Amino acid sequence: MEGAAQTILSNAGQLLSKEYQQLRGVGGEVAELRDDLDVLNALLVMQSEAEDGAVDRFVQVCMKQLRELAYDAED
């Protein structure tokens, strides 16, 4: 009985270790995604406050990237 308990605890420990490693990596990805979204948001705010209101090519590219980031975030 003791051997079975040790095996179960060992397996649980390995699973928890793997889960921890995966979750630790997610935090960095979320922070990077948040930073990218902050930059794109700042650019879009600047463009929306521009006097002529024209959407230039740069902003169009930013909008495309923002949509792609949003899709990635959903995944």
N, C-alpha and C. Protein backbone atom coordinates (compact mmCIF):
# COMPACT_ATOMS: atom_id res chain seq x y z
N MET A 1 0.82 -1.19 0.00
CA MET A 1 0.00 0.00 0.00
C MET A 1 0.87 1.26 0.00
N GLU A 2 1.95 1.20 0.78
CA GLU A 2 2.83 2.37 0.86
C GLU A 2 3.50 2.64 -0.48
N GLY A 3 3.87 1.59 -1.18
CA GLY A 3 4.50 1.74 -2.49
C GLY A 3 3.57 2.39 -3.49
N ALA A 4 2.31 2.02 -3.46
CA ALA A 4 1.33 2.61 -4.37
C ALA A 4 1.13 4.09 -4.07
N ALA A 5 1.09 4.43 -2.79
CA ALA A 5 0.92 5.83 -2.40
C ALA A 5 2.12 6.66 -2.86
N GLN A 6 3.31 6.10 -2.72
CA GLN A 6 4.51 6.82 -3.16
C GLN A 6 4.50 7.02 -4.67
N THR A 7 4.06 6.02 -5.40
CA THR A 7 3.99 6.14 -6.86
C THR A 7 2.98 7.22 -7.26
N ILE A 8 1.84 7.21 -6.61
CA ILE A 8 0.81 8.22 -6.90
C ILE A 8 1.32 9.62 -6.58
N LEU A 9 1.97 9.77 -5.44
CA LEU A 9 2.52 11.08 -5.06
C LEU A 9 3.61 11.52 -6.02
N SER A 10 4.44 10.59 -6.45
CA SER A 10 5.50 10.91 -7.39
C SER A 10 4.92 11.38 -8.72
N ASN A 11 3.93 10.64 -9.22
CA ASN A 11 3.28 11.02 -10.48
C ASN A 11 2.57 12.37 -10.36
N ALA A 12 1.91 12.59 -9.25
CA ALA A 12 1.24 13.87 -9.03
C ALA A 12 2.25 15.01 -8.98
N GLY A 13 3.38 14.77 -8.34
CA GLY A 13 4.42 15.78 -8.28
C GLY A 13 4.96 16.12 -9.66
N GLN A 14 5.16 15.10 -10.49
CA GLN A 14 5.65 15.34 -11.85
C GLN A 14 4.62 16.12 -12.67
N LEU A 15 3.37 15.76 -12.54
CA LEU A 15 2.31 16.49 -13.26
C LEU A 15 2.23 17.94 -12.81
N LEU A 16 2.31 18.17 -11.52
CA LEU A 16 2.27 19.54 -11.00
C LEU A 16 3.46 20.34 -11.48
N SER A 17 4.61 19.71 -11.54
CA SER A 17 5.82 20.38 -12.01
C SER A 17 5.66 20.80 -13.47
N LYS A 18 5.15 19.90 -14.30
CA LYS A 18 4.93 20.22 -15.71
C LYS A 18 3.92 21.36 -15.86
N GLU A 19 2.84 21.27 -15.10
CA GLU A 19 1.80 22.30 -15.16
C GLU A 19 2.36 23.66 -14.74
N TYR A 20 3.18 23.67 -13.71
CA TYR A 20 3.79 24.91 -13.24
C TYR A 20 4.68 25.51 -14.33
N GLN A 21 5.47 24.68 -14.98
CA GLN A 21 6.36 25.18 -16.04
C GLN A 21 5.55 25.80 -17.18
N GLN A 22 4.45 25.15 -17.54
CA GLN A 22 3.61 25.69 -18.61
C GLN A 22 2.97 27.01 -18.20
N LEU A 23 2.45 27.07 -17.00
CA LEU A 23 1.80 28.30 -16.53
C LEU A 23 2.80 29.44 -16.38
N ARG A 24 4.01 29.12 -15.97
CA ARG A 24 5.03 30.15 -15.82
C ARG A 24 5.34 30.79 -17.17
N GLY A 25 5.35 30.01 -18.23
CA GLY A 25 5.61 30.54 -19.56
C GLY A 25 4.47 31.39 -20.08
N VAL A 26 3.25 31.09 -19.68
CA VAL A 26 2.08 31.84 -20.14
C VAL A 26 2.13 33.28 -19.64
N GLY A 27 2.61 33.48 -18.43
CA GLY A 27 2.68 34.83 -17.87
C GLY A 27 3.50 35.77 -18.74
N GLY A 28 4.63 35.28 -19.24
CA GLY A 28 5.47 36.09 -20.12
C GLY A 28 4.78 36.41 -21.43
N GLU A 29 4.06 35.43 -21.98
CA GLU A 29 3.35 35.64 -23.23
C GLU A 29 2.22 36.66 -23.05
N VAL A 30 1.54 36.59 -21.94
CA VAL A 30 0.46 37.54 -21.66
C VAL A 30 1.02 38.95 -21.52
N ALA A 31 2.14 39.08 -20.82
CA ALA A 31 2.75 40.40 -20.64
C ALA A 31 3.19 40.97 -21.99
N GLU A 32 3.76 40.13 -22.84
CA GLU A 32 4.19 40.59 -24.16
C GLU A 32 2.99 41.01 -25.01
N LEU A 33 1.93 40.24 -24.95
CA LEU A 33 0.72 40.57 -25.68
C LEU A 33 0.12 41.88 -25.19
N ARG A 34 0.10 42.08 -23.87
CA ARG A 34 -0.42 43.32 -23.30
C ARG A 34 0.41 44.51 -23.76
N ASP A 35 1.73 44.36 -23.79
CA ASP A 35 2.60 45.45 -24.24
C ASP A 35 2.33 45.80 -25.71
N ASP A 36 2.19 44.76 -26.54
CA ASP A 36 1.90 45.00 -27.96
C ASP A 36 0.57 45.73 -28.13
N LEU A 37 -0.42 45.31 -27.38
CA LEU A 37 -1.73 45.96 -27.48
C LEU A 37 -1.68 47.40 -26.99
N ASP A 38 -0.89 47.67 -25.96
CA ASP A 38 -0.74 49.05 -25.47
C ASP A 38 -0.14 49.96 -26.53
N VAL A 39 0.88 49.47 -27.22
CA VAL A 39 1.53 50.26 -28.27
C VAL A 39 0.55 50.53 -29.41
N LEU A 40 -0.13 49.49 -29.85
CA LEU A 40 -1.09 49.67 -30.93
C LEU A 40 -2.23 50.60 -30.52
N ASN A 41 -2.68 50.49 -29.30
CA ASN A 41 -3.74 51.38 -28.82
C ASN A 41 -3.27 52.83 -28.82
N ALA A 42 -2.06 53.08 -28.38
CA ALA A 42 -1.53 54.44 -28.37
C ALA A 42 -1.46 55.01 -29.78
N LEU A 43 -1.04 54.19 -30.73
CA LEU A 43 -0.98 54.65 -32.12
C LEU A 43 -2.37 54.97 -32.66
N LEU A 44 -3.32 54.13 -32.32
CA LEU A 44 -4.68 54.36 -32.80
C LEU A 44 -5.30 55.61 -32.18
N VAL A 45 -5.01 55.86 -30.92
CA VAL A 45 -5.51 57.07 -30.27
C VAL A 45 -4.89 58.30 -30.92
N MET A 46 -3.59 58.24 -31.20
CA MET A 46 -2.93 59.37 -31.86
C MET A 46 -3.57 59.64 -33.22
N GLN A 47 -3.84 58.58 -33.97
CA GLN A 47 -4.44 58.75 -35.29
C GLN A 47 -5.85 59.31 -35.19
N SER A 48 -6.61 58.83 -34.21
CA SER A 48 -8.00 59.30 -34.09
C SER A 48 -8.06 60.76 -33.67
N GLU A 49 -7.02 61.23 -33.00
CA GLU A 49 -6.98 62.63 -32.57
C GLU A 49 -6.35 63.55 -33.60
N ALA A 50 -5.86 62.98 -34.70
CA ALA A 50 -5.26 63.79 -35.75
C ALA A 50 -6.33 64.67 -36.38
N GLU A 51 -5.93 65.85 -36.82
CA GLU A 51 -6.89 66.83 -37.33
C GLU A 51 -7.61 66.37 -38.59
N ASP A 52 -6.87 65.78 -39.54
CA ASP A 52 -7.52 65.42 -40.79
C ASP A 52 -8.31 64.12 -40.69
N GLY A 53 -8.01 63.30 -39.71
CA GLY A 53 -8.75 62.07 -39.50
C GLY A 53 -8.51 61.01 -40.56
N ALA A 54 -7.59 61.27 -41.47
CA ALA A 54 -7.31 60.30 -42.53
C ALA A 54 -6.58 59.09 -41.95
N VAL A 55 -6.97 57.94 -42.43
CA VAL A 55 -6.32 56.71 -41.99
C VAL A 55 -5.20 56.42 -42.98
N ASP A 56 -3.97 56.50 -42.49
CA ASP A 56 -2.85 56.25 -43.39
C ASP A 56 -2.49 54.76 -43.38
N ARG A 57 -1.59 54.41 -44.25
CA ARG A 57 -1.19 53.00 -44.43
C ARG A 57 -0.66 52.41 -43.13
N PHE A 58 0.10 53.18 -42.38
CA PHE A 58 0.67 52.69 -41.12
C PHE A 58 -0.42 52.25 -40.16
N VAL A 59 -1.45 53.06 -40.03
CA VAL A 59 -2.55 52.73 -39.13
C VAL A 59 -3.32 51.52 -39.64
N GLN A 60 -3.47 51.40 -40.95
CA GLN A 60 -4.14 50.22 -41.50
C GLN A 60 -3.37 48.95 -41.14
N VAL A 61 -2.05 49.01 -41.22
CA VAL A 61 -1.22 47.85 -40.85
C VAL A 61 -1.36 47.57 -39.36
N CYS A 62 -1.38 48.62 -38.55
CA CYS A 62 -1.55 48.44 -37.10
C CYS A 62 -2.90 47.79 -36.79
N MET A 63 -3.94 48.21 -37.48
CA MET A 63 -5.26 47.63 -37.26
C MET A 63 -5.26 46.14 -37.61
N LYS A 64 -4.59 45.80 -38.70
CA LYS A 64 -4.50 44.40 -39.10
C LYS A 64 -3.78 43.59 -38.03
N GLN A 65 -2.67 44.12 -37.53
CA GLN A 65 -1.92 43.43 -36.49
C GLN A 65 -2.73 43.32 -35.20
N LEU A 66 -3.48 44.34 -34.89
CA LEU A 66 -4.32 44.32 -33.70
C LEU A 66 -5.37 43.21 -33.79
N ARG A 67 -5.98 43.08 -34.96
CA ARG A 67 -6.95 42.00 -35.15
C ARG A 67 -6.28 40.64 -34.99
N GLU A 68 -5.09 40.48 -35.56
CA GLU A 68 -4.37 39.21 -35.45
C GLU A 68 -4.00 38.91 -34.00
N LEU A 69 -3.59 39.94 -33.27
CA LEU A 69 -3.28 39.75 -31.85
C LEU A 69 -4.52 39.34 -31.07
N ALA A 70 -5.64 39.94 -31.41
CA ALA A 70 -6.88 39.59 -30.72
C ALA A 70 -7.25 38.14 -30.99
N TYR A 71 -7.06 37.70 -32.23
CA TYR A 71 -7.34 36.29 -32.55
C TYR A 71 -6.39 35.37 -31.79
N ASP A 72 -5.10 35.75 -31.71
CA ASP A 72 -4.12 34.95 -30.97
C ASP A 72 -4.48 34.88 -29.49
N ALA A 73 -4.95 35.99 -28.96
CA ALA A 73 -5.31 36.03 -27.54
C ALA A 73 -6.48 35.10 -27.25
N GLU A 74 -7.40 34.98 -28.21
CA GLU A 74 -8.53 34.07 -28.03
C GLU A 74 -8.07 32.62 -27.97
N ASP A 75 -7.02 32.31 -28.73
CA ASP A 75 -6.49 30.94 -28.74
C ASP A 75 -5.74 30.71 -27.48
